[in-house]
Amino acid sequence: MKKKRLSKSQQQKCPGQVYWIIEPGDTFWTISRALNIPLEEILKANPGIDPYNLQIGSKICVPLKKG
């Protein structure tokens, strides 16, 4: 599953981070494993998103790894 980064102008609502476009079968857990980012970090970056009701085509904010 290869995802592309959005341009800087597209990232304005998620500064310093990238968006992930939800595809069929995606969960916060599978995204965290694919990107090697702790699940807790993805949950913190998306407080208004119900992780049990992800909508195909919606965007979630994914924090970049530090360091």
PDB file of N, CA and C in Angstrom:
ATOM      1  N   MET A   1       0.833  -1.165   0.000  1.00  0.00           N
ATOM      2  CA  MET A   1       0.000   0.000   0.000  1.00  0.00           C
ATOM      3  C   MET A   1       0.884   1.237   0.000  1.00  0.00           C
ATOM      4  N   LYS A   2       1.021   1.880  -1.117  1.00  0.00           N
ATOM      5  CA  LYS A   2       1.875   3.050  -1.210  1.00  0.00           C
ATOM      6  C   LYS A   2       1.020   4.302  -1.255  1.00  0.00           C
ATOM      7  N   LYS A   3       1.291   5.251  -0.378  1.00  0.00           N
ATOM      8  CA  LYS A   3       0.546   6.500  -0.316  1.00  0.00           C
ATOM      9  C   LYS A   3       1.466   7.640  -0.694  1.00  0.00           C
ATOM     10  N   LYS A   4       0.900   8.663  -1.321  1.00  0.00           N
ATOM     11  CA  LYS A   4       1.723   9.819  -1.668  1.00  0.00           C
ATOM     12  C   LYS A   4       1.497  10.935  -0.666  1.00  0.00           C
ATOM     13  N   ARG A   5       2.478  11.768  -0.510  1.00  0.00           N
ATOM     14  CA  ARG A   5       2.358  12.949   0.340  1.00  0.00           C
ATOM     15  C   ARG A   5       1.663  14.042  -0.446  1.00  0.00           C
ATOM     16  N   LEU A   6       0.927  14.865   0.269  1.00  0.00           N
ATOM     17  CA  LEU A   6       0.290  16.004  -0.357  1.00  0.00           C
ATOM     18  C   LEU A   6       1.236  17.189  -0.322  1.00  0.00           C
ATOM     19  N   SER A   7       1.002  18.144  -1.210  1.00  0.00           N
ATOM     20  CA  SER A   7       1.862  19.322  -1.276  1.00  0.00           C
ATOM     21  C   SER A   7       1.719  20.164  -0.018  1.00  0.00           C
ATOM     22  N   LYS A   8       2.634  21.104   0.168  1.00  0.00           N
ATOM     23  CA  LYS A   8       2.602  21.982   1.336  1.00  0.00           C
ATOM     24  C   LYS A   8       1.282  22.729   1.423  1.00  0.00           C
ATOM     25  N   SER A   9       0.753  23.219   0.306  1.00  0.00           N
ATOM     26  CA  SER A   9      -0.504  23.964   0.335  1.00  0.00           C
ATOM     27  C   SER A   9      -1.664  23.076   0.761  1.00  0.00           C
ATOM     28  N   GLN A  10      -1.605  21.810   0.452  1.00  0.00           N
ATOM     29  CA  GLN A  10      -2.659  20.885   0.840  1.00  0.00           C
ATOM     30  C   GLN A  10      -2.539  20.479   2.304  1.00  0.00           C
ATOM     31  N   GLN A  11      -1.382  20.726   2.915  1.00  0.00           N
ATOM     32  CA  GLN A  11      -1.140  20.316   4.291  1.00  0.00           C
ATOM     33  C   GLN A  11      -1.454  21.415   5.300  1.00  0.00           C
ATOM     34  N   GLN A  12      -1.967  22.551   4.878  1.00  0.00           N
ATOM     35  CA  GLN A  12      -2.147  23.682   5.781  1.00  0.00           C
ATOM     36  C   GLN A  12      -3.006  23.362   6.992  1.00  0.00           C
ATOM     37  N   LYS A  13      -3.994  22.511   6.874  1.00  0.00           N
ATOM     38  CA  LYS A  13      -4.832  22.165   8.009  1.00  0.00           C
ATOM     39  C   LYS A  13      -4.182  21.106   8.891  1.00  0.00           C
ATOM     40  N   CYS A  14      -3.059  20.624   8.484  1.00  0.00           N
ATOM     41  CA  CYS A  14      -2.353  19.578   9.217  1.00  0.00           C
ATOM     42  C   CYS A  14      -0.858  19.924   9.173  1.00  0.00           C
ATOM     43  N   PRO A  15      -0.479  21.059   9.765  1.00  0.00           N
ATOM     44  CA  PRO A  15       0.903  21.545   9.619  1.00  0.00           C
ATOM     45  C   PRO A  15       1.952  20.564  10.146  1.00  0.00           C
ATOM     46  N   GLY A  16       3.016  20.412   9.382  1.00  0.00           N
ATOM     47  CA  GLY A  16       4.111  19.542   9.784  1.00  0.00           C
ATOM     48  C   GLY A  16       3.787  18.065   9.670  1.00  0.00           C
ATOM     49  N   GLN A  17       2.679  17.754   9.059  1.00  0.00           N
ATOM     50  CA  GLN A  17       2.233  16.372   8.967  1.00  0.00           C
ATOM     51  C   GLN A  17       1.743  16.092   7.560  1.00  0.00           C
ATOM     52  N   VAL A  18       1.266  14.908   7.320  1.00  0.00           N
ATOM     53  CA  VAL A  18       0.736  14.523   6.008  1.00  0.00           C
ATOM     54  C   VAL A  18      -0.663  13.950   6.179  1.00  0.00           C
ATOM     55  N   TYR A  19      -1.381  13.875   5.071  1.00  0.00           N
ATOM     56  CA  TYR A  19      -2.704  13.273   5.078  1.00  0.00           C
ATOM     57  C   TYR A  19      -2.641  11.864   4.514  1.00  0.00           C
ATOM     58  N   TRP A  20      -3.525  11.028   4.987  1.00  0.00           N
ATOM     59  CA  TRP A  20      -3.700   9.673   4.471  1.00  0.00           C
ATOM     60  C   TRP A  20      -5.126   9.616   3.963  1.00  0.00           C
ATOM     61  N   ILE A  21      -5.308   9.184   2.725  1.00  0.00           N
ATOM     62  CA  ILE A  21      -6.637   9.035   2.149  1.00  0.00           C
ATOM     63  C   ILE A  21      -7.122   7.621   2.490  1.00  0.00           C
ATOM     64  N   ILE A  22      -8.273   7.534   3.139  1.00  0.00           N
ATOM     65  CA  ILE A  22      -8.819   6.247   3.574  1.00  0.00           C
ATOM     66  C   ILE A  22      -9.270   5.437   2.364  1.00  0.00           C
ATOM     67  N   GLU A  23      -8.805   4.203   2.300  1.00  0.00           N
ATOM     68  CA  GLU A  23      -9.174   3.266   1.247  1.00  0.00           C
ATOM     69  C   GLU A  23      -9.880   2.065   1.883  1.00  0.00           C
ATOM     70  N   PRO A  24     -10.575   1.266   1.093  1.00  0.00           N
ATOM     71  CA  PRO A  24     -11.254   0.095   1.659  1.00  0.00           C
ATOM     72  C   PRO A  24     -10.288  -0.773   2.475  1.00  0.00           C
ATOM     73  N   GLY A  25     -10.705  -1.144   3.659  1.00  0.00           N
ATOM     74  CA  GLY A  25      -9.893  -2.000   4.527  1.00  0.00           C
ATOM     75  C   GLY A  25      -8.982  -1.246   5.469  1.00  0.00           C
ATOM     76  N   ASP A  26      -8.821   0.071   5.283  1.00  0.00           N
ATOM     77  CA  ASP A  26      -7.950   0.845   6.165  1.00  0.00           C
ATOM     78  C   ASP A  26      -8.563   0.978   7.554  1.00  0.00           C
ATOM     79  N   THR A  27      -7.706   0.855   8.548  1.00  0.00           N
ATOM     80  CA  THR A  27      -8.058   1.168   9.930  1.00  0.00           C
ATOM     81  C   THR A  27      -6.902   1.980  10.492  1.00  0.00           C
ATOM     82  N   PHE A  28      -7.120   2.652  11.609  1.00  0.00           N
ATOM     83  CA  PHE A  28      -6.005   3.375  12.220  1.00  0.00           C
ATOM     84  C   PHE A  28      -4.866   2.409  12.526  1.00  0.00           C
ATOM     85  N   TRP A  29      -5.204   1.192  12.938  1.00  0.00           N
ATOM     86  CA  TRP A  29      -4.162   0.218  13.278  1.00  0.00           C
ATOM     87  C   TRP A  29      -3.355  -0.179  12.040  1.00  0.00           C
ATOM     88  N   THR A  30      -4.027  -0.472  10.909  1.00  0.00           N
ATOM     89  CA  THR A  30      -3.276  -0.881   9.711  1.00  0.00           C
ATOM     90  C   THR A  30      -2.432   0.274   9.177  1.00  0.00           C
ATOM     91  N   ILE A  31      -2.952   1.494   9.298  1.00  0.00           N
ATOM     92  CA  ILE A  31      -2.183   2.670   8.862  1.00  0.00           C
ATOM     93  C   ILE A  31      -0.961   2.851   9.755  1.00  0.00           C
ATOM     94  N   SER A  32      -1.146   2.698  11.064  1.00  0.00           N
ATOM     95  CA  SER A  32      -0.009   2.849  11.985  1.00  0.00           C
ATOM     96  C   SER A  32       1.065   1.811  11.706  1.00  0.00           C
ATOM     97  N   ARG A  33       0.660   0.595  11.366  1.00  0.00           N
ATOM     98  CA  ARG A  33       1.633  -0.460  11.048  1.00  0.00           C
ATOM     99  C   ARG A  33       2.321  -0.181   9.710  1.00  0.00           C
ATOM    100  N   ALA A  34       1.571   0.270   8.727  1.00  0.00           N
ATOM    101  CA  ALA A  34       2.145   0.541   7.403  1.00  0.00           C
ATOM    102  C   ALA A  34       3.185   1.651   7.461  1.00  0.00           C
ATOM    103  N   LEU A  35       2.958   2.640   8.334  1.00  0.00           N
ATOM    104  CA  LEU A  35       3.864   3.788   8.427  1.00  0.00           C
ATOM    105  C   LEU A  35       4.828   3.706   9.606  1.00  0.00           C
ATOM    106  N   ASN A  36       4.700   2.643  10.405  1.00  0.00           N
ATOM    107  CA  ASN A  36       5.544   2.467  11.588  1.00  0.00           C
ATOM    108  C   ASN A  36       5.435   3.670  12.537  1.00  0.00           C
ATOM    109  N   ILE A  37       4.194   4.076  12.774  1.00  0.00           N
ATOM    110  CA  ILE A  37       3.887   5.171  13.686  1.00  0.00           C
ATOM    111  C   ILE A  37       2.983   4.600  14.776  1.00  0.00           C
ATOM    112  N   PRO A  38       3.242   4.924  16.039  1.00  0.00           N
ATOM    113  CA  PRO A  38       2.378   4.400  17.102  1.00  0.00           C
ATOM    114  C   PRO A  38       0.914   4.777  16.891  1.00  0.00           C
ATOM    115  N   LEU A  39       0.042   3.835  17.117  1.00  0.00           N
ATOM    116  CA  LEU A  39      -1.394   4.052  16.973  1.00  0.00           C
ATOM    117  C   LEU A  39      -1.852   5.257  17.788  1.00  0.00           C
ATOM    118  N   GLU A  40      -1.322   5.411  18.977  1.00  0.00           N
ATOM    119  CA  GLU A  40      -1.703   6.515  19.852  1.00  0.00           C
ATOM    120  C   GLU A  40      -1.446   7.870  19.201  1.00  0.00           C
ATOM    121  N   GLU A  41      -0.359   7.981  18.438  1.00  0.00           N
ATOM    122  CA  GLU A  41      -0.029   9.238  17.768  1.00  0.00           C
ATOM    123  C   GLU A  41      -1.054   9.576  16.683  1.00  0.00           C
ATOM    124  N   ILE A  42      -1.518   8.564  15.967  1.00  0.00           N
ATOM    125  CA  ILE A  42      -2.538   8.790  14.937  1.00  0.00           C
ATOM    126  C   ILE A  42      -3.857   9.186  15.605  1.00  0.00           C
ATOM    127  N   LEU A  43      -4.199   8.537  16.702  1.00  0.00           N
ATOM    128  CA  LEU A  43      -5.415   8.895  17.428  1.00  0.00           C
ATOM    129  C   LEU A  43      -5.352  10.336  17.936  1.00  0.00           C
ATOM    130  N   LYS A  44      -4.212  10.746  18.487  1.00  0.00           N
ATOM    131  CA  LYS A  44      -4.047  12.112  18.992  1.00  0.00           C
ATOM    132  C   LYS A  44      -4.167  13.146  17.874  1.00  0.00           C
ATOM    133  N   ALA A  45      -3.677  12.815  16.697  1.00  0.00           N
ATOM    134  CA  ALA A  45      -3.692  13.754  15.571  1.00  0.00           C
ATOM    135  C   ALA A  45      -5.076  13.890  14.936  1.00  0.00           C
ATOM    136  N   ASN A  46      -6.006  13.014  15.314  1.00  0.00           N
ATOM    137  CA  ASN A  46      -7.344  13.007  14.718  1.00  0.00           C
ATOM    138  C   ASN A  46      -8.430  12.912  15.772  1.00  0.00           C
ATOM    139  N   PRO A  47      -8.496  13.883  16.691  1.00  0.00           N
ATOM    140  CA  PRO A  47      -9.444  13.773  17.797  1.00  0.00           C
ATOM    141  C   PRO A  47     -10.916  13.781  17.371  1.00  0.00           C
ATOM    142  N   GLY A  48     -11.237  14.355  16.228  1.00  0.00           N
ATOM    143  CA  GLY A  48     -12.628  14.425  15.794  1.00  0.00           C
ATOM    144  C   GLY A  48     -13.062  13.272  14.907  1.00  0.00           C
ATOM    145  N   ILE A  49     -12.184  12.312  14.673  1.00  0.00           N
ATOM    146  CA  ILE A  49     -12.475  11.194  13.780  1.00  0.00           C
ATOM    147  C   ILE A  49     -12.818   9.954  14.616  1.00  0.00           C
ATOM    148  N   ASP A  50     -13.922   9.302  14.260  1.00  0.00           N
ATOM    149  CA  ASP A  50     -14.307   8.053  14.920  1.00  0.00           C
ATOM    150  C   ASP A  50     -13.517   6.919  14.271  1.00  0.00           C
ATOM    151  N   PRO A  51     -12.555   6.324  14.982  1.00  0.00           N
ATOM    152  CA  PRO A  51     -11.714   5.290  14.374  1.00  0.00           C
ATOM    153  C   PRO A  51     -12.489   4.029  13.993  1.00  0.00           C
ATOM    154  N   TYR A  52     -13.709   3.890  14.503  1.00  0.00           N
ATOM    155  CA  TYR A  52     -14.532   2.725  14.174  1.00  0.00           C
ATOM    156  C   TYR A  52     -15.481   2.994  13.005  1.00  0.00           C
ATOM    157  N   ASN A  53     -15.417   4.205  12.451  1.00  0.00           N
ATOM    158  CA  ASN A  53     -16.305   4.559  11.357  1.00  0.00           C
ATOM    159  C   ASN A  53     -15.566   5.398  10.312  1.00  0.00           C
ATOM    160  N   LEU A  54     -14.430   4.896   9.835  1.00  0.00           N
ATOM    161  CA  LEU A  54     -13.667   5.610   8.816  1.00  0.00           C
ATOM    162  C   LEU A  54     -14.409   5.535   7.484  1.00  0.00           C
ATOM    163  N   GLN A  55     -14.430   6.650   6.783  1.00  0.00           N
ATOM    164  CA  GLN A  55     -15.141   6.729   5.511  1.00  0.00           C
ATOM    165  C   GLN A  55     -14.143   6.703   4.351  1.00  0.00           C
ATOM    166  N   ILE A  56     -14.377   5.819   3.400  1.00  0.00           N
ATOM    167  CA  ILE A  56     -13.513   5.712   2.224  1.00  0.00           C
ATOM    168  C   ILE A  56     -13.450   7.076   1.523  1.00  0.00           C
ATOM    169  N   GLY A  57     -12.243   7.503   1.204  1.00  0.00           N
ATOM    170  CA  GLY A  57     -12.025   8.779   0.525  1.00  0.00           C
ATOM    171  C   GLY A  57     -11.779   9.942   1.469  1.00  0.00           C
ATOM    172  N   SER A  58     -12.067   9.768   2.768  1.00  0.00           N
ATOM    173  CA  SER A  58     -11.809  10.856   3.712  1.00  0.00           C
ATOM    174  C   SER A  58     -10.313  10.921   4.021  1.00  0.00           C
ATOM    175  N   LYS A  59      -9.894  12.071   4.545  1.00  0.00           N
ATOM    176  CA  LYS A  59      -8.484  12.287   4.863  1.00  0.00           C
ATOM    177  C   LYS A  59      -8.304  12.293   6.371  1.00  0.00           C
ATOM    178  N   ILE A  60      -7.252  11.651   6.814  1.00  0.00           N
ATOM    179  CA  ILE A  60      -6.871  11.751   8.221  1.00  0.00           C
ATOM    180  C   ILE A  60      -5.467  12.327   8.279  1.00  0.00           C
ATOM    181  N   CYS A  61      -5.169  12.956   9.378  1.00  0.00           N
ATOM    182  CA  CYS A  61      -3.860  13.556   9.590  1.00  0.00           C
ATOM    183  C   CYS A  61      -2.925  12.500  10.188  1.00  0.00           C
ATOM    184  N   VAL A  62      -1.752  12.355   9.608  1.00  0.00           N
ATOM    185  CA  VAL A  62      -0.771  11.381  10.094  1.00  0.00           C
ATOM    186  C   VAL A  62       0.490  12.140  10.512  1.00  0.00           C
ATOM    187  N   PRO A  63       0.869  12.052  11.789  1.00  0.00           N
ATOM    188  CA  PRO A  63       2.069  12.754  12.240  1.00  0.00           C
ATOM    189  C   PRO A  63       3.336  12.141  11.652  1.00  0.00           C
ATOM    190  N   LEU A  64       4.231  12.999  11.214  1.00  0.00           N
ATOM    191  CA  LEU A  64       5.522  12.526  10.724  1.00  0.00           C
ATOM    192  C   LEU A  64       6.364  12.061  11.888  1.00  0.00           C
ATOM    193  N   LYS A  65       7.196  11.061  11.622  1.00  0.00           N
ATOM    194  CA  LYS A  65       8.109  10.594  12.664  1.00  0.00           C
ATOM    195  C   LYS A  65       9.155  11.662  12.914  1.00  0.00           C
ATOM    196  N   LYS A  66       9.471  11.866  14.180  1.00  0.00           N
ATOM    197  CA  LYS A  66      10.482  12.858  14.552  1.00  0.00           C
ATOM    198  C   LYS A  66      11.850  12.211  14.525  1.00  0.00           C
ATOM    199  N   GLY A  67      12.816  13.006  14.073  1.00  0.00           N
ATOM    200  CA  GLY A  67      14.193  12.526  14.102  1.00  0.00           C
ATOM    201  C   GLY A  67      14.508  11.839  12.877  1.00  0.00           C
TER     202      GLY A  67
END
